[in-house]
Amino acid sequence: MNYKMAMKTVDKEKWDPSVEEEHNRMVKMNVWEVVKKNKVPNEAKVVSTTWAMNKKVDGTFRARGNACGFVQVPGEHYDRDSISTPVTNKATIIVVLVLSIVFGWANELIDVKGAFLCGNFSE
């Protein structure tokens, strides 16, 4: 659900800490920069944002700020050949787990909140 929908629920007050945590994380990581409208080039595509709100199975409330990248046009607003997402796949995870068993490696699961905010992007 989006922010407006979440604020109409009986859990309205419970969403605030999650929204504040996400906002503070973005501020800390310098995710955005304020640019006056008259300084935006005419050919630039301004991408708005939205909130994705989710109540998890364990009862925690999660709010994530998301760019509405779907408004961009491939080839016009970005180069289709220069995009990538640093993720893994099931096969890679299985290989690592098998190697861990074979070599007796210790494994640890780490959940890095806001990991996507730490990426260094270059043009």
PDB file of N, CA and C in Angstrom:
ATOM      1  N   MET A   1       0.836  -1.177   0.000  1.00  0.00           N
ATOM      2  CA  MET A   1       0.000   0.000   0.000  1.00  0.00           C
ATOM      3  C   MET A   1       0.881   1.241   0.000  1.00  0.00           C
ATOM      4  N   ASN A   2       0.313   2.333  -0.403  1.00  0.00           N
ATOM      5  CA  ASN A   2       1.085   3.574  -0.409  1.00  0.00           C
ATOM      6  C   ASN A   2       0.872   4.342   0.898  1.00  0.00           C
ATOM      7  N   TYR A   3       1.519   5.475   1.018  1.00  0.00           N
ATOM      8  CA  TYR A   3       1.483   6.260   2.253  1.00  0.00           C
ATOM      9  C   TYR A   3       0.057   6.676   2.626  1.00  0.00           C
ATOM     10  N   LYS A   4      -0.690   7.209   1.664  1.00  0.00           N
ATOM     11  CA  LYS A   4      -2.051   7.675   1.954  1.00  0.00           C
ATOM     12  C   LYS A   4      -2.936   6.540   2.455  1.00  0.00           C
ATOM     13  N   MET A   5      -2.790   5.377   1.845  1.00  0.00           N
ATOM     14  CA  MET A   5      -3.574   4.218   2.274  1.00  0.00           C
ATOM     15  C   MET A   5      -3.200   3.808   3.698  1.00  0.00           C
ATOM     16  N   ALA A   6      -1.904   3.813   4.000  1.00  0.00           N
ATOM     17  CA  ALA A   6      -1.436   3.418   5.331  1.00  0.00           C
ATOM     18  C   ALA A   6      -1.942   4.376   6.399  1.00  0.00           C
ATOM     19  N   MET A   7      -2.016   5.658   6.076  1.00  0.00           N
ATOM     20  CA  MET A   7      -2.464   6.649   7.045  1.00  0.00           C
ATOM     21  C   MET A   7      -3.964   6.570   7.321  1.00  0.00           C
ATOM     22  N   LYS A   8      -4.702   5.800   6.538  1.00  0.00           N
ATOM     23  CA  LYS A   8      -6.137   5.617   6.761  1.00  0.00           C
ATOM     24  C   LYS A   8      -6.436   4.359   7.575  1.00  0.00           C
ATOM     25  N   THR A   9      -5.401   3.619   7.947  1.00  0.00           N
ATOM     26  CA  THR A   9      -5.602   2.391   8.708  1.00  0.00           C
ATOM     27  C   THR A   9      -5.613   2.677  10.209  1.00  0.00           C
ATOM     28  N   VAL A  10      -6.021   1.679  10.991  1.00  0.00           N
ATOM     29  CA  VAL A  10      -6.022   1.825  12.451  1.00  0.00           C
ATOM     30  C   VAL A  10      -4.595   1.874  12.998  1.00  0.00           C
ATOM     31  N   ASP A  11      -3.631   1.449  12.201  1.00  0.00           N
ATOM     32  CA  ASP A  11      -2.223   1.436  12.611  1.00  0.00           C
ATOM     33  C   ASP A  11      -1.488   2.714  12.230  1.00  0.00           C
ATOM     34  N   LYS A  12      -2.219   3.772  11.972  1.00  0.00           N
ATOM     35  CA  LYS A  12      -1.644   5.025  11.477  1.00  0.00           C
ATOM     36  C   LYS A  12      -0.389   5.458  12.241  1.00  0.00           C
ATOM     37  N   GLU A  13      -0.445   5.485  13.569  1.00  0.00           N
ATOM     38  CA  GLU A  13       0.685   5.954  14.375  1.00  0.00           C
ATOM     39  C   GLU A  13       1.873   5.001  14.311  1.00  0.00           C
ATOM     40  N   LYS A  14       1.631   3.734  14.022  1.00  0.00           N
ATOM     41  CA  LYS A  14       2.708   2.745  13.998  1.00  0.00           C
ATOM     42  C   LYS A  14       3.581   2.863  12.749  1.00  0.00           C
ATOM     43  N   TRP A  15       3.088   3.550  11.733  1.00  0.00           N
ATOM     44  CA  TRP A  15       3.870   3.723  10.504  1.00  0.00           C
ATOM     45  C   TRP A  15       4.925   4.819  10.656  1.00  0.00           C
ATOM     46  N   ASP A  16       4.666   5.795  11.511  1.00  0.00           N
ATOM     47  CA  ASP A  16       5.553   6.963  11.635  1.00  0.00           C
ATOM     48  C   ASP A  16       7.019   6.616  11.907  1.00  0.00           C
ATOM     49  N   PRO A  17       7.334   5.729  12.872  1.00  0.00           N
ATOM     50  CA  PRO A  17       8.751   5.422  13.109  1.00  0.00           C
ATOM     51  C   PRO A  17       9.451   4.820  11.885  1.00  0.00           C
ATOM     52  N   SER A  18       8.749   3.999  11.130  1.00  0.00           N
ATOM     53  CA  SER A  18       9.337   3.390   9.937  1.00  0.00           C
ATOM     54  C   SER A  18       9.591   4.426   8.851  1.00  0.00           C
ATOM     55  N   VAL A  19       8.645   5.334   8.670  1.00  0.00           N
ATOM     56  CA  VAL A  19       8.805   6.406   7.683  1.00  0.00           C
ATOM     57  C   VAL A  19       9.972   7.305   8.091  1.00  0.00           C
ATOM     58  N   GLU A  20      10.033   7.654   9.375  1.00  0.00           N
ATOM     59  CA  GLU A  20      11.110   8.512   9.866  1.00  0.00           C
ATOM     60  C   GLU A  20      12.475   7.830   9.722  1.00  0.00           C
ATOM     61  N   GLU A  21      12.534   6.529  10.023  1.00  0.00           N
ATOM     62  CA  GLU A  21      13.789   5.785   9.891  1.00  0.00           C
ATOM     63  C   GLU A  21      14.277   5.785   8.445  1.00  0.00           C
ATOM     64  N   GLU A  22      13.385   5.530   7.504  1.00  0.00           N
ATOM     65  CA  GLU A  22      13.753   5.512   6.083  1.00  0.00           C
ATOM     66  C   GLU A  22      14.191   6.903   5.626  1.00  0.00           C
ATOM     67  N   HIS A  23      13.448   7.925   6.019  1.00  0.00           N
ATOM     68  CA  HIS A  23      13.794   9.293   5.637  1.00  0.00           C
ATOM     69  C   HIS A  23      15.161   9.673   6.191  1.00  0.00           C
ATOM     70  N   ASN A  24      15.392   9.388   7.479  1.00  0.00           N
ATOM     71  CA  ASN A  24      16.685   9.720   8.097  1.00  0.00           C
ATOM     72  C   ASN A  24      17.836   8.986   7.424  1.00  0.00           C
ATOM     73  N   ARG A  25      17.603   7.737   7.013  1.00  0.00           N
ATOM     74  CA  ARG A  25      18.631   6.962   6.317  1.00  0.00           C
ATOM     75  C   ARG A  25      18.989   7.638   4.996  1.00  0.00           C
ATOM     76  N   MET A  26      17.978   8.115   4.273  1.00  0.00           N
ATOM     77  CA  MET A  26      18.229   8.785   2.998  1.00  0.00           C
ATOM     78  C   MET A  26      18.950  10.112   3.190  1.00  0.00           C
ATOM     79  N   VAL A  27      18.598  10.843   4.234  1.00  0.00           N
ATOM     80  CA  VAL A  27      19.276  12.103   4.526  1.00  0.00           C
ATOM     81  C   VAL A  27      20.738  11.829   4.863  1.00  0.00           C
ATOM     82  N   LYS A  28      20.972  10.831   5.712  1.00  0.00           N
ATOM     83  CA  LYS A  28      22.331  10.483   6.123  1.00  0.00           C
ATOM     84  C   LYS A  28      23.198  10.090   4.928  1.00  0.00           C
ATOM     85  N   MET A  29      22.630   9.388   3.965  1.00  0.00           N
ATOM     86  CA  MET A  29      23.384   8.914   2.808  1.00  0.00           C
ATOM     87  C   MET A  29      23.393   9.926   1.652  1.00  0.00           C
ATOM     88  N   ASN A  30      22.862  11.138   1.875  1.00  0.00           N
ATOM     89  CA  ASN A  30      22.826  12.176   0.835  1.00  0.00           C
ATOM     90  C   ASN A  30      22.231  11.656  -0.466  1.00  0.00           C
ATOM     91  N   VAL A  31      21.055  11.036  -0.350  1.00  0.00           N
ATOM     92  CA  VAL A  31      20.407  10.411  -1.500  1.00  0.00           C
ATOM     93  C   VAL A  31      19.951  11.430  -2.531  1.00  0.00           C
ATOM     94  N   TRP A  32      19.522  12.565  -2.082  1.00  0.00           N
ATOM     95  CA  TRP A  32      19.032  13.560  -3.033  1.00  0.00           C
ATOM     96  C   TRP A  32      19.694  14.905  -2.807  1.00  0.00           C
ATOM     97  N   GLU A  33      19.508  15.746  -3.786  1.00  0.00           N
ATOM     98  CA  GLU A  33      20.042  17.101  -3.740  1.00  0.00           C
ATOM     99  C   GLU A  33      18.935  18.035  -4.207  1.00  0.00           C
ATOM    100  N   VAL A  34      18.682  19.080  -3.466  1.00  0.00           N
ATOM    101  CA  VAL A  34      17.640  20.034  -3.828  1.00  0.00           C
ATOM    102  C   VAL A  34      18.113  20.837  -5.035  1.00  0.00           C
ATOM    103  N   VAL A  35      17.266  20.875  -6.059  1.00  0.00           N
ATOM    104  CA  VAL A  35      17.565  21.631  -7.271  1.00  0.00           C
ATOM    105  C   VAL A  35      16.341  22.497  -7.584  1.00  0.00           C
ATOM    106  N   LYS A  36      16.567  23.778  -7.766  1.00  0.00           N
ATOM    107  CA  LYS A  36      15.464  24.680  -8.101  1.00  0.00           C
ATOM    108  C   LYS A  36      14.943  24.348  -9.493  1.00  0.00           C
ATOM    109  N   LYS A  37      13.628  24.483  -9.671  1.00  0.00           N
ATOM    110  CA  LYS A  37      12.992  24.131 -10.942  1.00  0.00           C
ATOM    111  C   LYS A  37      13.627  24.864 -12.123  1.00  0.00           C
ATOM    112  N   ASN A  38      13.991  26.122 -11.940  1.00  0.00           N
ATOM    113  CA  ASN A  38      14.561  26.879 -13.059  1.00  0.00           C
ATOM    114  C   ASN A  38      15.978  26.435 -13.407  1.00  0.00           C
ATOM    115  N   LYS A  39      16.576  25.576 -12.585  1.00  0.00           N
ATOM    116  CA  LYS A  39      17.916  25.059 -12.855  1.00  0.00           C
ATOM    117  C   LYS A  39      17.885  23.670 -13.517  1.00  0.00           C
ATOM    118  N   VAL A  40      16.704  23.088 -13.628  1.00  0.00           N
ATOM    119  CA  VAL A  40      16.572  21.767 -14.254  1.00  0.00           C
ATOM    120  C   VAL A  40      16.551  21.947 -15.769  1.00  0.00           C
ATOM    121  N   PRO A  41      17.453  21.271 -16.503  1.00  0.00           N
ATOM    122  CA  PRO A  41      17.462  21.388 -17.968  1.00  0.00           C
ATOM    123  C   PRO A  41      16.127  20.940 -18.572  1.00  0.00           C
ATOM    124  N   ASN A  42      15.730  21.564 -19.658  1.00  0.00           N
ATOM    125  CA  ASN A  42      14.459  21.232 -20.305  1.00  0.00           C
ATOM    126  C   ASN A  42      14.368  19.773 -20.719  1.00  0.00           C
ATOM    127  N   GLU A  43      15.501  19.178 -21.115  1.00  0.00           N
ATOM    128  CA  GLU A  43      15.495  17.787 -21.582  1.00  0.00           C
ATOM    129  C   GLU A  43      15.534  16.769 -20.442  1.00  0.00           C
ATOM    130  N   ALA A  44      15.670  17.243 -19.206  1.00  0.00           N
ATOM    131  CA  ALA A  44      15.752  16.335 -18.059  1.00  0.00           C
ATOM    132  C   ALA A  44      14.378  15.770 -17.721  1.00  0.00           C
ATOM    133  N   LYS A  45      14.365  14.544 -17.233  1.00  0.00           N
ATOM    134  CA  LYS A  45      13.135  13.909 -16.786  1.00  0.00           C
ATOM    135  C   LYS A  45      13.143  13.926 -15.262  1.00  0.00           C
ATOM    136  N   VAL A  46      12.191  14.601 -14.667  1.00  0.00           N
ATOM    137  CA  VAL A  46      12.084  14.647 -13.216  1.00  0.00           C
ATOM    138  C   VAL A  46      11.329  13.399 -12.775  1.00  0.00           C
ATOM    139  N   VAL A  47      11.954  12.638 -11.898  1.00  0.00           N
ATOM    140  CA  VAL A  47      11.362  11.396 -11.418  1.00  0.00           C
ATOM    141  C   VAL A  47      10.811  11.638 -10.021  1.00  0.00           C
ATOM    142  N   SER A  48       9.522  11.426  -9.863  1.00  0.00           N
ATOM    143  CA  SER A  48       8.916  11.620  -8.549  1.00  0.00           C
ATOM    144  C   SER A  48       9.133  10.376  -7.679  1.00  0.00           C
ATOM    145  N   THR A  49       8.658  10.441  -6.467  1.00  0.00           N
ATOM    146  CA  THR A  49       8.814   9.321  -5.542  1.00  0.00           C
ATOM    147  C   THR A  49       7.470   8.918  -4.962  1.00  0.00           C
ATOM    148  N   THR A  50       7.462   7.746  -4.373  1.00  0.00           N
ATOM    149  CA  THR A  50       6.277   7.254  -3.679  1.00  0.00           C
ATOM    150  C   THR A  50       6.736   6.411  -2.500  1.00  0.00           C
ATOM    151  N   TRP A  51       5.853   6.193  -1.566  1.00  0.00           N
ATOM    152  CA  TRP A  51       6.146   5.343  -0.418  1.00  0.00           C
ATOM    153  C   TRP A  51       5.504   3.981  -0.618  1.00  0.00           C
ATOM    154  N   ALA A  52       6.263   2.942  -0.351  1.00  0.00           N
ATOM    155  CA  ALA A  52       5.726   1.573  -0.343  1.00  0.00           C
ATOM    156  C   ALA A  52       5.672   1.150   1.118  1.00  0.00           C
ATOM    157  N   MET A  53       4.483   0.882   1.607  1.00  0.00           N
ATOM    158  CA  MET A  53       4.268   0.544   3.005  1.00  0.00           C
ATOM    159  C   MET A  53       3.887  -0.928   3.106  1.00  0.00           C
ATOM    160  N   ASN A  54       4.512  -1.617   4.055  1.00  0.00           N
ATOM    161  CA  ASN A  54       4.269  -3.046   4.183  1.00  0.00           C
ATOM    162  C   ASN A  54       4.297  -3.452   5.656  1.00  0.00           C
ATOM    163  N   LYS A  55       3.254  -4.121   6.096  1.00  0.00           N
ATOM    164  CA  LYS A  55       3.247  -4.688   7.442  1.00  0.00           C
ATOM    165  C   LYS A  55       3.714  -6.126   7.300  1.00  0.00           C
ATOM    166  N   LYS A  56       4.862  -6.424   7.917  1.00  0.00           N
ATOM    167  CA  LYS A  56       5.455  -7.740   7.773  1.00  0.00           C
ATOM    168  C   LYS A  56       4.738  -8.772   8.637  1.00  0.00           C
ATOM    169  N   VAL A  57       4.966 -10.034   8.340  1.00  0.00           N
ATOM    170  CA  VAL A  57       4.327 -11.134   9.052  1.00  0.00           C
ATOM    171  C   VAL A  57       4.629 -11.086  10.552  1.00  0.00           C
ATOM    172  N   ASP A  58       5.832 -10.646  10.907  1.00  0.00           N
ATOM    173  CA  ASP A  58       6.201 -10.593  12.325  1.00  0.00           C
ATOM    174  C   ASP A  58       5.635  -9.365  13.047  1.00  0.00           C
ATOM    175  N   GLY A  59       4.828  -8.566  12.351  1.00  0.00           N
ATOM    176  CA  GLY A  59       4.169  -7.416  12.961  1.00  0.00           C
ATOM    177  C   GLY A  59       4.918  -6.101  12.843  1.00  0.00           C
ATOM    178  N   THR A  60       6.112  -6.122  12.254  1.00  0.00           N
ATOM    179  CA  THR A  60       6.859  -4.874  12.082  1.00  0.00           C
ATOM    180  C   THR A  60       6.328  -4.105  10.876  1.00  0.00           C
ATOM    181  N   PHE A  61       6.503  -2.809  10.939  1.00  0.00           N
ATOM    182  CA  PHE A  61       6.032  -1.929   9.867  1.00  0.00           C
ATOM    183  C   PHE A  61       7.227  -1.452   9.067  1.00  0.00           C
ATOM    184  N   ARG A  62       7.126  -1.570   7.749  1.00  0.00           N
ATOM    185  CA  ARG A  62       8.235  -1.206   6.871  1.00  0.00           C
ATOM    186  C   ARG A  62       7.763  -0.165   5.866  1.00  0.00           C
ATOM    187  N   ALA A  63       8.496   0.924   5.792  1.00  0.00           N
ATOM    188  CA  ALA A  63       8.203   1.980   4.821  1.00  0.00           C
ATOM    189  C   ALA A  63       9.448   2.193   3.980  1.00  0.00           C
ATOM    190  N   ARG A  64       9.275   2.203   2.677  1.00  0.00           N
ATOM    191  CA  ARG A  64      10.403   2.416   1.773  1.00  0.00           C
ATOM    192  C   ARG A  64      10.047   3.504   0.770  1.00  0.00           C
ATOM    193  N   GLY A  65      10.947   4.457   0.650  1.00  0.00           N
ATOM    194  CA  GLY A  65      10.791   5.496  -0.355  1.00  0.00           C
ATOM    195  C   GLY A  65      11.296   4.968  -1.687  1.00  0.00           C
ATOM    196  N   ASN A  66      10.519   5.111  -2.726  1.00  0.00           N
ATOM    197  CA  ASN A  66      10.875   4.579  -4.038  1.00  0.00           C
ATOM    198  C   ASN A  66      10.770   5.634  -5.123  1.00  0.00           C
ATOM    199  N   ALA A  67      11.752   5.642  -5.998  1.00  0.00           N
ATOM    200  CA  ALA A  67      11.685   6.509  -7.172  1.00  0.00           C
ATOM    201  C   ALA A  67      10.748   5.870  -8.189  1.00  0.00           C
ATOM    202  N   CYS A  68       9.974   6.684  -8.849  1.00  0.00           N
ATOM    203  CA  CYS A  68       9.046   6.183  -9.872  1.00  0.00           C
ATOM    204  C   CYS A  68       9.780   6.116 -11.211  1.00  0.00           C
ATOM    205  N   GLY A  69      10.771   5.228 -11.277  1.00  0.00           N
ATOM    206  CA  GLY A  69      11.609   5.105 -12.462  1.00  0.00           C
ATOM    207  C   GLY A  69      10.876   4.644 -13.698  1.00  0.00           C
ATOM    208  N   PHE A  70       9.677   4.093 -13.521  1.00  0.00           N
ATOM    209  CA  PHE A  70       8.903   3.608 -14.655  1.00  0.00           C
ATOM    210  C   PHE A  70       8.473   4.716 -15.607  1.00  0.00           C
ATOM    211  N   VAL A  71       8.619   5.979 -15.194  1.00  0.00           N
ATOM    212  CA  VAL A  71       8.256   7.090 -16.078  1.00  0.00           C
ATOM    213  C   VAL A  71       9.372   7.418 -17.069  1.00  0.00           C
ATOM    214  N   GLN A  72      10.545   6.809 -16.873  1.00  0.00           N
ATOM    215  CA  GLN A  72      11.665   7.055 -17.766  1.00  0.00           C
ATOM    216  C   GLN A  72      11.508   6.247 -19.058  1.00  0.00           C
ATOM    217  N   VAL A  73      12.042   6.797 -20.123  1.00  0.00           N
ATOM    218  CA  VAL A  73      11.977   6.134 -21.424  1.00  0.00           C
ATOM    219  C   VAL A  73      13.375   5.616 -21.775  1.00  0.00           C
ATOM    220  N   PRO A  74      13.505   4.281 -21.995  1.00  0.00           N
ATOM    221  CA  PRO A  74      14.823   3.726 -22.360  1.00  0.00           C
ATOM    222  C   PRO A  74      15.368   4.392 -23.618  1.00  0.00           C
ATOM    223  N   GLY A  75      16.656   4.712 -23.589  1.00  0.00           N
ATOM    224  CA  GLY A  75      17.286   5.346 -24.741  1.00  0.00           C
ATOM    225  C   GLY A  75      17.141   6.853 -24.752  1.00  0.00           C
ATOM    226  N   GLU A  76      16.156   7.356 -24.015  1.00  0.00           N
ATOM    227  CA  GLU A  76      15.956   8.805 -23.941  1.00  0.00           C
ATOM    228  C   GLU A  76      16.453   9.351 -22.603  1.00  0.00           C
ATOM    229  N   HIS A  77      16.076   8.695 -21.519  1.00  0.00           N
ATOM    230  CA  HIS A  77      16.449   9.154 -20.184  1.00  0.00           C
ATOM    231  C   HIS A  77      17.587   8.351 -19.568  1.00  0.00           C
ATOM    232  N   TYR A  78      17.887   7.211 -20.132  1.00  0.00           N
ATOM    233  CA  TYR A  78      19.027   6.412 -19.672  1.00  0.00           C
ATOM    234  C   TYR A  78      19.449   5.463 -20.775  1.00  0.00           C
ATOM    235  N   ASP A  79      20.707   5.037 -20.703  1.00  0.00           N
ATOM    236  CA  ASP A  79      21.259   4.105 -21.673  1.00  0.00           C
ATOM    237  C   ASP A  79      20.945   2.685 -21.211  1.00  0.00           C
ATOM    238  N   ARG A  80      20.194   1.963 -21.975  1.00  0.00           N
ATOM    239  CA  ARG A  80      19.754   0.610 -21.612  1.00  0.00           C
ATOM    240  C   ARG A  80      20.938  -0.328 -21.347  1.00  0.00           C
ATOM    241  N   ASP A  81      22.083  -0.088 -21.973  1.00  0.00           N
ATOM    242  CA  ASP A  81      23.258  -0.950 -21.805  1.00  0.00           C
ATOM    243  C   ASP A  81      24.091  -0.600 -20.576  1.00  0.00           C
ATOM    244  N   SER A  82      23.722   0.463 -19.858  1.00  0.00           N
ATOM    245  CA  SER A  82      24.546   0.877 -18.718  1.00  0.00           C
ATOM    246  C   SER A  82      23.851   0.654 -17.376  1.00  0.00           C
ATOM    247  N   ILE A  83      22.837  -0.201 -17.364  1.00  0.00           N
ATOM    248  CA  ILE A  83      22.146  -0.461 -16.103  1.00  0.00           C
ATOM    249  C   ILE A  83      22.517  -1.842 -15.579  1.00  0.00           C
ATOM    250  N   SER A  84      22.604  -1.947 -14.269  1.00  0.00           N
ATOM    251  CA  SER A  84      22.855  -3.239 -13.643  1.00  0.00           C
ATOM    252  C   SER A  84      22.349  -3.192 -12.215  1.00  0.00           C
ATOM    253  N   THR A  85      22.090  -4.356 -11.679  1.00  0.00           N
ATOM    254  CA  THR A  85      21.643  -4.472 -10.309  1.00  0.00           C
ATOM    255  C   THR A  85      22.515  -5.494  -9.608  1.00  0.00           C
ATOM    256  N   PRO A  86      23.196  -5.101  -8.543  1.00  0.00           N
ATOM    257  CA  PRO A  86      24.083  -6.028  -7.847  1.00  0.00           C
ATOM    258  C   PRO A  86      23.313  -7.026  -6.980  1.00  0.00           C
ATOM    259  N   VAL A  87      22.784  -8.039  -7.620  1.00  0.00           N
ATOM    260  CA  VAL A  87      22.048  -9.082  -6.904  1.00  0.00           C
ATOM    261  C   VAL A  87      22.647 -10.437  -7.253  1.00  0.00           C
ATOM    262  N   THR A  88      22.215 -11.432  -6.544  1.00  0.00           N
ATOM    263  CA  THR A  88      22.677 -12.780  -6.828  1.00  0.00           C
ATOM    264  C   THR A  88      21.495 -13.629  -7.276  1.00  0.00           C
ATOM    265  N   ASN A  89      21.775 -14.860  -7.639  1.00  0.00           N
ATOM    266  CA  ASN A  89      20.703 -15.755  -8.030  1.00  0.00           C
ATOM    267  C   ASN A  89      20.772 -17.041  -7.210  1.00  0.00           C
ATOM    268  N   LYS A  90      19.776 -17.875  -7.352  1.00  0.00           N
ATOM    269  CA  LYS A  90      19.667 -19.103  -6.570  1.00  0.00           C
ATOM    270  C   LYS A  90      20.876 -20.020  -6.780  1.00  0.00           C
ATOM    271  N   ALA A  91      21.332 -20.148  -8.019  1.00  0.00           N
ATOM    272  CA  ALA A  91      22.460 -21.039  -8.318  1.00  0.00           C
ATOM    273  C   ALA A  91      23.726 -20.604  -7.583  1.00  0.00           C
ATOM    274  N   THR A  92      23.987 -19.298  -7.533  1.00  0.00           N
ATOM    275  CA  THR A  92      25.163 -18.788  -6.839  1.00  0.00           C
ATOM    276  C   THR A  92      25.092 -19.098  -5.349  1.00  0.00           C
ATOM    277  N   ILE A  93      23.936 -18.931  -4.769  1.00  0.00           N
ATOM    278  CA  ILE A  93      23.763 -19.221  -3.343  1.00  0.00           C
ATOM    279  C   ILE A  93      24.001 -20.701  -3.062  1.00  0.00           C
ATOM    280  N   ILE A  94      23.484 -21.564  -3.910  1.00  0.00           N
ATOM    281  CA  ILE A  94      23.676 -23.008  -3.730  1.00  0.00           C
ATOM    282  C   ILE A  94      25.152 -23.373  -3.835  1.00  0.00           C
ATOM    283  N   VAL A  95      25.848 -22.816  -4.815  1.00  0.00           N
ATOM    284  CA  VAL A  95      27.277 -23.095  -4.980  1.00  0.00           C
ATOM    285  C   VAL A  95      28.049 -22.667  -3.735  1.00  0.00           C
ATOM    286  N   VAL A  96      27.757 -21.482  -3.215  1.00  0.00           N
ATOM    287  CA  VAL A  96      28.451 -20.995  -2.023  1.00  0.00           C
ATOM    288  C   VAL A  96      28.150 -21.890  -0.817  1.00  0.00           C
ATOM    289  N   LEU A  97      26.910 -22.320  -0.667  1.00  0.00           N
ATOM    290  CA  LEU A  97      26.566 -23.199   0.455  1.00  0.00           C
ATOM    291  C   LEU A  97      27.248 -24.560   0.331  1.00  0.00           C
ATOM    292  N   VAL A  98      27.317 -25.114  -0.881  1.00  0.00           N
ATOM    293  CA  VAL A  98      28.006 -26.388  -1.093  1.00  0.00           C
ATOM    294  C   VAL A  98      29.493 -26.237  -0.786  1.00  0.00           C
ATOM    295  N   LEU A  99      30.117 -25.170  -1.270  1.00  0.00           N
ATOM    296  CA  LEU A  99      31.527 -24.924  -0.970  1.00  0.00           C
ATOM    297  C   LEU A  99      31.749 -24.766   0.540  1.00  0.00           C
ATOM    298  N   SER A 100      30.794 -24.145   1.209  1.00  0.00           N
ATOM    299  CA  SER A 100      30.900 -23.988   2.653  1.00  0.00           C
ATOM    300  C   SER A 100      30.916 -25.346   3.354  1.00  0.00           C
ATOM    301  N   ILE A 101      30.085 -26.245   2.890  1.00  0.00           N
ATOM    302  CA  ILE A 101      30.044 -27.588   3.474  1.00  0.00           C
ATOM    303  C   ILE A 101      31.346 -28.328   3.187  1.00  0.00           C
ATOM    304  N   VAL A 102      31.783 -28.294   1.941  1.00  0.00           N
ATOM    305  CA  VAL A 102      32.992 -29.011   1.530  1.00  0.00           C
ATOM    306  C   VAL A 102      34.225 -28.511   2.284  1.00  0.00           C
ATOM    307  N   PHE A 103      34.362 -27.188   2.413  1.00  0.00           N
ATOM    308  CA  PHE A 103      35.555 -26.620   3.029  1.00  0.00           C
ATOM    309  C   PHE A 103      35.384 -26.252   4.507  1.00  0.00           C
ATOM    310  N   GLY A 104      34.203 -26.511   5.056  1.00  0.00           N
ATOM    311  CA  GLY A 104      33.968 -26.230   6.475  1.00  0.00           C
ATOM    312  C   GLY A 104      33.924 -24.754   6.807  1.00  0.00           C
ATOM    313  N   TRP A 105      33.491 -23.943   5.851  1.00  0.00           N
ATOM    314  CA  TRP A 105      33.398 -22.505   6.085  1.00  0.00           C
ATOM    315  C   TRP A 105      32.232 -22.192   7.025  1.00  0.00           C
ATOM    316  N   ALA A 106      32.382 -21.136   7.795  1.00  0.00           N
ATOM    317  CA  ALA A 106      31.283 -20.648   8.630  1.00  0.00           C
ATOM    318  C   ALA A 106      30.483 -19.634   7.807  1.00  0.00           C
ATOM    319  N   ASN A 107      29.182 -19.684   7.929  1.00  0.00           N
ATOM    320  CA  ASN A 107      28.315 -18.760   7.198  1.00  0.00           C
ATOM    321  C   ASN A 107      27.557 -17.880   8.176  1.00  0.00           C
ATOM    322  N   GLU A 108      27.283 -16.669   7.744  1.00  0.00           N
ATOM    323  CA  GLU A 108      26.526 -15.747   8.567  1.00  0.00           C
ATOM    324  C   GLU A 108      25.617 -14.931   7.658  1.00  0.00           C
ATOM    325  N   LEU A 109      24.387 -14.773   8.071  1.00  0.00           N
ATOM    326  CA  LEU A 109      23.429 -13.971   7.318  1.00  0.00           C
ATOM    327  C   LEU A 109      23.464 -12.554   7.856  1.00  0.00           C
ATOM    328  N   ILE A 110      23.636 -11.590   6.963  1.00  0.00           N
ATOM    329  CA  ILE A 110      23.676 -10.184   7.357  1.00  0.00           C
ATOM    330  C   ILE A 110      22.646  -9.429   6.519  1.00  0.00           C
ATOM    331  N   ASP A 111      21.784  -8.701   7.196  1.00  0.00           N
ATOM    332  CA  ASP A 111      20.805  -7.861   6.516  1.00  0.00           C
ATOM    333  C   ASP A 111      21.251  -6.415   6.686  1.00  0.00           C
ATOM    334  N   VAL A 112      21.678  -5.801   5.611  1.00  0.00           N
ATOM    335  CA  VAL A 112      22.146  -4.421   5.664  1.00  0.00           C
ATOM    336  C   VAL A 112      20.993  -3.516   5.276  1.00  0.00           C
ATOM    337  N   LYS A 113      20.498  -2.762   6.250  1.00  0.00           N
ATOM    338  CA  LYS A 113      19.396  -1.842   5.955  1.00  0.00           C
ATOM    339  C   LYS A 113      19.910  -0.705   5.081  1.00  0.00           C
ATOM    340  N   GLY A 114      19.201  -0.454   4.004  1.00  0.00           N
ATOM    341  CA  GLY A 114      19.588   0.639   3.114  1.00  0.00           C
ATOM    342  C   GLY A 114      20.832   0.358   2.296  1.00  0.00           C
ATOM    343  N   ALA A 115      21.154  -0.929   2.085  1.00  0.00           N
ATOM    344  CA  ALA A 115      22.370  -1.274   1.334  1.00  0.00           C
ATOM    345  C   ALA A 115      22.393  -0.617  -0.045  1.00  0.00           C
ATOM    346  N   PHE A 116      21.248  -0.511  -0.684  1.00  0.00           N
ATOM    347  CA  PHE A 116      21.179   0.097  -2.015  1.00  0.00           C
ATOM    348  C   PHE A 116      21.583   1.556  -2.006  1.00  0.00           C
ATOM    349  N   LEU A 117      21.507   2.202  -0.839  1.00  0.00           N
ATOM    350  CA  LEU A 117      21.877   3.606  -0.735  1.00  0.00           C
ATOM    351  C   LEU A 117      23.383   3.809  -0.703  1.00  0.00           C
ATOM    352  N   CYS A 118      24.135   2.721  -0.456  1.00  0.00           N
ATOM    353  CA  CYS A 118      25.580   2.825  -0.289  1.00  0.00           C
ATOM    354  C   CYS A 118      26.343   2.642  -1.605  1.00  0.00           C
ATOM    355  N   GLY A 119      25.641   2.366  -2.681  1.00  0.00           N
ATOM    356  CA  GLY A 119      26.307   2.130  -3.960  1.00  0.00           C
ATOM    357  C   GLY A 119      26.947   3.390  -4.506  1.00  0.00           C
ATOM    358  N   ASN A 120      28.110   3.228  -5.118  1.00  0.00           N
ATOM    359  CA  ASN A 120      28.784   4.339  -5.780  1.00  0.00           C
ATOM    360  C   ASN A 120      28.534   4.206  -7.280  1.00  0.00           C
ATOM    361  N   PHE A 121      27.829   5.154  -7.837  1.00  0.00           N
ATOM    362  CA  PHE A 121      27.480   5.104  -9.245  1.00  0.00           C
ATOM    363  C   PHE A 121      28.303   6.125 -10.009  1.00  0.00           C
ATOM    364  N   SER A 122      28.712   5.752 -11.202  1.00  0.00           N
ATOM    365  CA  SER A 122      29.466   6.683 -12.031  1.00  0.00           C
ATOM    366  C   SER A 122      28.842   6.723 -13.417  1.00  0.00           C
ATOM    367  N   GLU A 123      29.119   7.776 -14.134  1.00  0.00           N
ATOM    368  CA  GLU A 123      28.547   7.922 -15.480  1.00  0.00           C
ATOM    369  C   GLU A 123      29.489   7.359 -16.512  1.00  0.00           C
TER     370      GLU A 123
END
